[in-house]
Amino acid sequence: MKLHDTTDRIEKEIVLRAPQSRVWRALTDADEFGAWFGIKLEGAFAPGARVRGHLTAPSWEHVTVDFEIERMDPESRLSYRWHPYPIDPTVDYSSEPTTLVEFQLEEIAGGTQLRVVESGFDRIPPARRAEAFRVNDAGWVEQLENIARYVAQ
């Protein structure tokens, strides 16, 4: 799944055995996104919207994630900004730069190709940059497997 070796961006892709419209709904409906991503979100996805949520995975419930939705091109591209790996509840991450997460969908024979790119790690403070990159690199592999299972139901 890894496409490039770099310290600034993570790129992954997967072929999903589901129509593009189904994948789009799983990405852009906050309840559906939360179901496969493992997060309970408050609010709806829309360009310019801020959506907040708490992870639901055991031992990760203390993690709050803020999404700032940037772009929603129907059935082709969703992008948002967030603070990668915000696990310490005593840290205010709001003053840190964010990374940009982009989901790109393309209809192919037998389903949908989904590509996720998270970029901007080189701007994350050095004390947490490598760990945030490492965890998110592995995390996107897991999340693409999660959405594949979810849309196949």
Protein backbone atom coordinates (compact mmCIF):
# COMPACT_ATOMS: atom_id res chain seq x y z
CA MET A 1 0.00 0.00 0.00
CA LYS A 2 2.92 2.44 0.52
CA LEU A 3 3.56 4.54 -2.57
CA HIS A 4 6.45 6.84 -1.64
CA ASP A 5 9.21 7.09 0.95
CA THR A 6 9.21 10.58 2.47
CA THR A 7 9.05 12.15 5.90
CA ASP A 8 6.44 14.73 4.92
CA ARG A 9 3.64 12.62 3.45
CA ILE A 10 1.95 9.28 3.75
CA GLU A 11 0.29 7.83 0.65
CA LYS A 12 -1.82 4.67 0.62
CA GLU A 13 -4.33 3.20 -1.78
CA ILE A 14 -6.75 0.31 -1.92
CA VAL A 15 -9.32 -1.09 -4.31
CA LEU A 16 -12.73 -1.32 -2.66
CA ARG A 17 -15.34 -3.74 -3.97
CA ALA A 18 -18.10 -1.17 -3.72
CA PRO A 19 -19.59 1.51 -5.98
CA GLN A 20 -18.04 4.96 -5.81
CA SER A 21 -21.27 6.43 -4.41
CA ARG A 22 -21.15 3.94 -1.50
CA VAL A 23 -17.54 4.77 -0.69
CA TRP A 24 -18.30 8.48 -0.89
CA ARG A 25 -21.14 8.11 1.62
CA ALA A 26 -18.87 6.15 4.00
CA LEU A 27 -16.33 8.97 3.81
CA THR A 28 -18.61 11.99 4.06
CA ASP A 29 -21.49 11.00 6.33
CA ALA A 30 -20.17 11.68 9.84
CA ASP A 31 -21.99 8.70 11.37
CA GLU A 32 -20.71 6.31 8.69
CA PHE A 33 -17.19 7.76 8.88
CA GLY A 34 -17.26 7.26 12.62
CA ALA A 35 -18.46 3.66 12.28
CA TRP A 36 -15.46 2.48 10.24
CA PHE A 37 -12.88 4.95 11.60
CA GLY A 38 -13.68 4.25 15.25
CA ILE A 39 -14.72 7.74 16.34
CA LYS A 40 -17.91 9.29 17.69
CA LEU A 41 -18.30 12.57 15.81
CA GLU A 42 -20.34 15.65 16.69
CA GLY A 43 -21.46 17.59 13.64
CA ALA A 44 -21.74 17.06 9.90
CA PHE A 45 -19.10 17.14 7.19
CA ALA A 46 -19.36 20.21 4.95
CA PRO A 47 -16.70 22.48 3.44
CA GLY A 48 -15.55 24.89 6.15
CA ALA A 49 -17.12 22.87 8.96
CA ARG A 50 -15.30 21.93 12.15
CA VAL A 51 -16.19 18.49 13.42
CA ARG A 52 -15.00 17.06 16.73
CA GLY A 53 -15.01 13.54 18.04
CA HIS A 54 -13.67 11.03 20.54
CA LEU A 55 -12.01 7.81 19.51
CA THR A 56 -14.02 4.74 20.49
CA ALA A 57 -11.31 2.05 20.45
CA PRO A 58 -10.53 0.59 23.88
CA SER A 59 -7.79 2.55 25.70
CA TRP A 60 -8.06 5.39 23.14
CA GLU A 61 -11.34 6.92 24.38
CA HIS A 62 -9.46 9.86 25.94
CA VAL A 63 -8.31 11.07 22.51
CA THR A 64 -10.25 13.99 21.03
CA VAL A 65 -9.84 14.69 17.32
CA ASP A 66 -10.79 17.92 15.57
CA PHE A 67 -11.42 17.93 11.82
CA GLU A 68 -11.58 21.07 9.70
CA ILE A 69 -13.24 20.05 6.45
CA GLU A 70 -11.57 21.81 3.53
CA ARG A 71 -12.98 20.33 0.36
CA MET A 72 -15.76 18.01 -0.74
CA ASP A 73 -15.90 17.38 -4.48
CA PRO A 74 -18.86 15.00 -4.84
CA GLU A 75 -17.81 11.39 -5.20
CA SER A 76 -14.20 12.28 -6.03
CA ARG A 77 -12.33 14.14 -3.26
CA LEU A 78 -12.67 14.85 0.46
CA SER A 79 -10.00 16.74 2.36
CA TYR A 80 -9.65 17.90 5.92
CA ARG A 81 -7.02 19.22 8.29
CA TRP A 82 -6.29 17.78 11.71
CA HIS A 83 -3.62 17.44 14.35
CA PRO A 84 -1.97 14.06 13.84
CA TYR A 85 -1.72 11.71 16.81
CA PRO A 86 -3.12 14.08 19.49
CA ILE A 87 -2.93 11.51 22.30
CA ASP A 88 -1.81 13.52 25.33
CA PRO A 89 -4.90 15.02 27.03
CA THR A 90 -2.69 17.53 28.87
CA VAL A 91 -1.36 19.08 25.63
CA ASP A 92 -3.14 21.86 23.74
CA TYR A 93 -2.42 21.01 20.10
CA SER A 94 -4.33 24.01 18.73
CA SER A 95 -1.18 26.10 18.27
CA GLU A 96 0.56 23.39 16.22
CA PRO A 97 0.38 23.17 12.44
CA THR A 98 -2.04 20.60 11.05
CA THR A 99 -1.61 17.94 8.42
CA LEU A 100 -3.84 17.72 5.36
CA VAL A 101 -5.69 14.45 4.75
CA GLU A 102 -7.03 13.91 1.24
CA PHE A 103 -9.21 11.03 0.08
CA GLN A 104 -9.37 10.60 -3.69
CA LEU A 105 -11.88 8.23 -5.30
CA GLU A 106 -11.79 6.81 -8.79
CA GLU A 107 -14.27 4.40 -10.34
CA ILE A 108 -12.55 1.32 -11.74
CA ALA A 109 -13.73 -2.04 -13.06
CA GLY A 110 -15.19 -3.95 -10.14
CA GLY A 111 -15.25 -1.12 -7.63
CA THR A 112 -13.55 2.04 -6.46
CA GLN A 113 -9.91 2.91 -6.04
CA LEU A 114 -9.44 4.91 -2.85
CA ARG A 115 -6.25 6.83 -2.25
CA VAL A 116 -5.42 8.63 0.99
CA VAL A 117 -2.62 11.17 1.27
CA GLU A 118 -1.68 12.82 4.54
CA SER A 119 0.86 15.60 4.10
CA GLY A 120 2.54 18.28 6.18
CA PHE A 121 4.44 16.18 8.72
CA ASP A 122 7.63 18.21 8.21
CA ARG A 123 5.87 21.15 9.91
CA ILE A 124 4.91 19.17 13.02
CA PRO A 125 7.11 20.01 16.04
CA PRO A 126 10.26 17.85 15.97
CA ALA A 127 9.58 16.37 19.41
CA ARG A 128 6.53 14.50 18.11
CA ARG A 129 6.95 14.45 14.33
CA ALA A 130 8.53 10.98 13.89
CA GLU A 131 6.08 9.27 16.24
CA ALA A 132 3.04 10.96 14.66
CA PHE A 133 4.28 9.89 11.22
CA ARG A 134 4.99 6.31 12.32
CA VAL A 135 1.63 5.87 14.04
CA ASN A 136 -0.38 7.45 11.22
CA ASP A 137 1.52 5.48 8.56
CA ALA A 138 0.44 2.23 10.23
CA GLY A 139 -2.95 3.71 11.09
CA TRP A 140 -3.87 4.43 7.46
CA VAL A 141 -3.17 0.80 6.55
CA GLU A 142 -5.61 -0.25 9.27
CA GLN A 143 -8.19 2.40 8.36
CA LEU A 144 -8.21 1.39 4.69
CA GLU A 145 -8.84 -2.20 5.77
CA ASN A 146 -11.65 -0.91 8.03
CA ILE A 147 -13.39 1.02 5.26
CA ALA A 148 -12.99 -1.94 2.89
CA ARG A 149 -14.83 -4.19 5.35
CA TYR A 150 -17.41 -1.49 6.06
CA VAL A 151 -18.42 -0.78 2.44
CA ALA A 152 -18.48 -4.50 1.57
CA GLN A 153 -21.32 -5.12 4.08
